[in-house]
Protein backbone atom coordinates (compact mmCIF):
# COMPACT_ATOMS: atom_id res chain seq x y z
CA MET A 1 78.00 100.73 94.41
CA ARG A 2 77.67 101.61 97.68
CA ILE A 3 79.58 99.92 100.55
CA THR A 4 77.43 99.91 103.77
CA LYS A 5 79.31 97.37 105.99
CA VAL A 6 83.00 96.13 105.72
CA VAL A 7 83.54 93.50 107.45
CA THR A 8 81.00 90.81 106.53
CA ARG A 9 82.98 87.75 107.42
CA ASN A 10 81.80 86.50 104.15
CA GLY A 11 85.25 85.69 103.25
CA ASP A 12 86.42 83.78 106.52
CA LYS A 13 86.30 80.36 104.70
CA GLY A 14 87.91 81.72 101.56
CA GLN A 15 85.76 82.54 99.13
CA THR A 16 84.36 85.90 98.06
CA SER A 17 82.12 87.12 95.78
CA LEU A 18 82.15 88.81 92.27
CA ALA A 19 80.55 91.91 91.40
CA GLN A 20 77.75 90.04 89.87
CA GLY A 21 77.43 88.01 93.19
CA ASP A 22 79.09 84.78 92.08
CA LEU A 23 80.73 83.21 94.96
CA VAL A 24 84.31 81.77 93.92
CA SER A 25 87.51 80.93 96.00
CA LYS A 26 90.02 83.31 96.96
CA ASN A 27 92.90 81.68 95.30
CA GLU A 28 90.87 81.58 92.07
CA PRO A 29 93.11 83.58 89.02
CA ILE A 30 90.38 86.26 88.77
CA ILE A 31 90.78 86.71 92.11
CA ASN A 32 94.59 87.36 91.71
CA ALA A 33 94.10 89.94 88.84
CA ILE A 34 91.66 91.80 91.20
CA GLY A 35 94.06 91.57 94.12
CA ASP A 36 97.18 92.82 92.18
CA VAL A 37 95.32 95.73 89.82
CA ASP A 38 94.25 96.61 93.64
CA GLU A 39 97.85 96.31 94.73
CA LEU A 40 98.97 98.71 92.08
CA ASN A 41 96.41 101.34 92.80
CA SER A 42 97.93 101.24 96.71
CA VAL A 43 101.16 101.45 95.73
CA LEU A 44 100.17 104.79 93.12
CA GLY A 45 98.43 106.35 96.07
CA VAL A 46 101.84 105.84 98.06
CA CYS A 47 103.39 107.54 94.93
CA ASN A 48 100.90 110.17 95.69
CA SER A 49 102.01 111.36 99.17
CA PHE A 50 105.60 111.99 97.87
CA CYS A 51 104.71 113.73 95.26
CA SER A 52 104.16 118.07 95.16
CA ASN A 53 103.81 118.42 91.21
CA ASP A 54 99.89 118.87 90.80
CA ALA A 55 99.66 117.95 87.11
CA ILE A 56 101.25 114.64 87.76
CA LEU A 57 99.02 113.96 90.72
CA LYS A 58 96.53 115.16 88.48
CA ASP A 59 97.40 112.29 85.91
CA ILE A 60 97.54 109.73 88.33
CA LYS A 61 94.46 110.06 89.79
CA THR A 62 93.15 109.62 86.69
CA ILE A 63 94.91 106.55 86.30
CA GLN A 64 93.52 105.25 89.84
CA ASN A 65 90.42 105.80 88.30
CA ASP A 66 91.06 103.59 85.30
CA LEU A 67 92.31 101.07 87.94
CA PHE A 68 89.18 101.05 89.90
CA ASN A 69 87.17 100.61 86.50
CA ILE A 70 89.16 97.65 85.26
CA GLY A 71 88.97 96.00 88.91
CA GLY A 72 84.86 96.18 88.28
CA GLU A 73 85.14 95.30 84.99
CA ILE A 74 87.29 91.99 85.94
CA SER A 75 84.69 91.66 88.59
CA LEU A 76 81.81 91.82 86.14
CA ASN A 77 83.25 88.19 84.80
CA ASP A 78 82.77 87.88 80.86
CA SER A 79 79.88 90.59 81.23
CA ASP A 80 79.81 92.55 78.32
CA LYS A 81 79.47 95.31 80.12
CA LYS A 82 83.42 97.20 79.77
CA LEU A 83 84.18 99.98 82.33
CA LEU A 84 87.97 100.88 81.01
CA LYS A 85 87.34 103.19 78.18
CA ASP A 86 89.11 103.29 74.93
CA GLU A 87 90.33 106.87 75.61
CA SER A 88 92.04 105.86 78.72
CA LEU A 89 94.65 103.98 76.32
CA LEU A 90 94.93 107.17 74.14
CA PHE A 91 95.64 108.84 77.24
CA LEU A 92 98.72 107.06 78.48
CA ASP A 93 99.74 106.89 74.63
CA ASN A 94 99.60 110.94 74.85
CA LYS A 95 101.66 110.99 78.07
CA ILE A 96 104.38 108.90 77.16
CA ASP A 97 104.76 110.50 74.08
CA GLU A 98 104.87 113.97 75.64
CA MET A 99 107.16 113.21 78.27
CA ASN A 100 109.37 111.01 76.00
CA ASN A 101 109.75 113.71 73.54
CA LEU A 102 111.76 115.67 76.19
CA LEU A 103 113.84 112.97 77.23
CA GLU A 104 117.54 111.61 75.74
CA PRO A 105 117.19 108.29 74.35
CA LEU A 106 118.24 105.32 76.74
CA LYS A 107 121.86 103.59 75.46
CA GLU A 108 122.14 101.90 78.59
CA PHE A 109 119.53 100.01 81.34
CA ILE A 110 118.79 102.53 84.22
CA LEU A 111 118.56 100.97 87.81
CA PRO A 112 115.49 101.89 89.49
CA GLY A 113 115.90 104.77 92.11
CA GLY A 114 115.72 108.61 92.57
CA ASP A 115 114.32 110.17 95.29
CA SER A 116 111.13 108.73 97.04
CA PHE A 117 108.52 109.39 94.99
CA SER A 118 110.80 108.31 91.25
CA SER A 119 111.47 104.90 93.65
CA ASN A 120 108.31 104.56 93.99
CA LEU A 121 107.06 104.69 90.87
CA HIS A 122 109.51 101.73 89.84
CA LEU A 123 107.82 99.82 92.38
CA ALA A 124 104.39 100.56 90.94
CA ARG A 125 105.84 99.87 87.44
CA SER A 126 106.85 96.53 88.58
CA VAL A 127 103.59 95.79 90.43
CA ALA A 128 101.63 96.97 87.04
CA ARG A 129 103.73 94.26 85.23
CA ARG A 130 102.68 91.71 87.63
CA ALA A 131 98.83 93.18 87.25
CA GLU A 132 99.36 92.41 83.46
CA ARG A 133 100.65 88.58 83.93
CA SER A 134 97.72 87.76 86.01
CA VAL A 135 95.30 89.19 83.79
CA VAL A 136 97.26 87.66 80.75
CA GLU A 137 96.79 84.56 82.46
CA LEU A 138 93.06 85.17 83.23
CA TYR A 139 92.22 86.10 79.66
CA ALA A 140 94.45 83.72 78.07
CA GLY A 141 91.95 82.63 75.36
CA SER A 142 90.89 86.41 74.29
CA LEU A 143 93.92 88.44 74.52
CA GLU A 144 93.53 90.01 70.88
CA ASN A 145 91.31 92.63 71.51
CA ASN A 146 91.63 93.31 75.11
CA ASN A 147 92.15 96.80 76.39
CA ILE A 148 92.61 95.54 80.24
CA VAL A 149 95.40 93.74 78.95
CA LYS A 150 96.62 96.92 76.97
CA TYR A 151 96.43 99.58 79.38
CA LEU A 152 98.37 97.74 82.01
CA ASN A 153 101.30 96.86 79.62
CA ARG A 154 101.21 101.02 78.53
CA LEU A 155 100.82 101.87 82.12
CA SER A 156 104.07 100.43 83.34
CA ASP A 157 105.74 102.10 80.07
CA TYR A 158 103.97 105.55 81.68
CA LEU A 159 105.39 104.59 84.93
CA PHE A 160 109.04 104.29 83.36
CA VAL A 161 108.76 107.15 81.46
CA LEU A 162 107.45 109.30 84.01
CA SER A 163 110.18 108.25 86.78
CA ARG A 164 112.50 109.11 84.14
CA PHE A 165 111.14 112.60 83.54
CA TYR A 166 110.41 113.22 87.09
CA ASN A 167 114.14 112.67 87.62
CA LYS A 168 115.22 114.90 84.88
CA ASN A 169 112.90 117.82 85.59
CA ASN A 170 114.43 117.72 89.63
CA ASN A 171 117.82 117.04 88.19
CA ILE A 172 118.10 113.61 89.92
CA ASP A 173 120.95 111.60 88.21
CA GLU A 174 119.84 108.17 86.55
CA ASN A 175 121.57 105.16 88.09
CA MET A 176 123.16 103.64 84.94
CA TRP A 177 123.11 99.66 84.26
CA GLU A 178 127.23 98.59 85.09
CA LYS A 179 127.73 95.62 83.08
C-alpha cells in the first residue's frame, strides 16, 4: 500500500474507508478495534524512546510490525487474507517463557511502575487489554480460532513479563501491592 496523500478530507463527515474501499462510520466497532491497535503501536513507540537495549528494541519492532499486520487484517473486514502469521504467537510464547524462567514467581500483585521504560510497558499492557476487548467485541461470533485475539492476549502477558524482567535486570524494585 502506498500513501500518496495524508489529508484527503474524506473523514470530515465522520466516515472512513476500510482496506477494500468499504465506507463505514468512524464509531463502528471495526474502527474502534483498528484505533485501539494503532494506539497500542504508538505506546510501544513511546516505550522504545526510553529503551537502550538493542535486543528488546528488536523484539518490540517485530511486535509493532505484527500490530500493523493486525490492523491491516482487521481493515480487510472478513477477507480470507491473513496477515498475522502463526509464528508471531510462537514468538511471544517463547519470549515469555525465556524471561519468566529467570524471574521469581509472584507472591502478590505488583503495582505498575519502575523507570520510564518499564512504566510505559505497563501502560502498553493496559492498552493491549483494551485492544483485545475491542477485537473480542468485533469478532464475538468467531473467537475460537482467532489469532488476533490470541495475539493481543499473549502480548499483554509479554509486556507484563518484559517489565518485570527489565526491572530485575536493571535493579529496579517491584512495587508490591499492599492489601
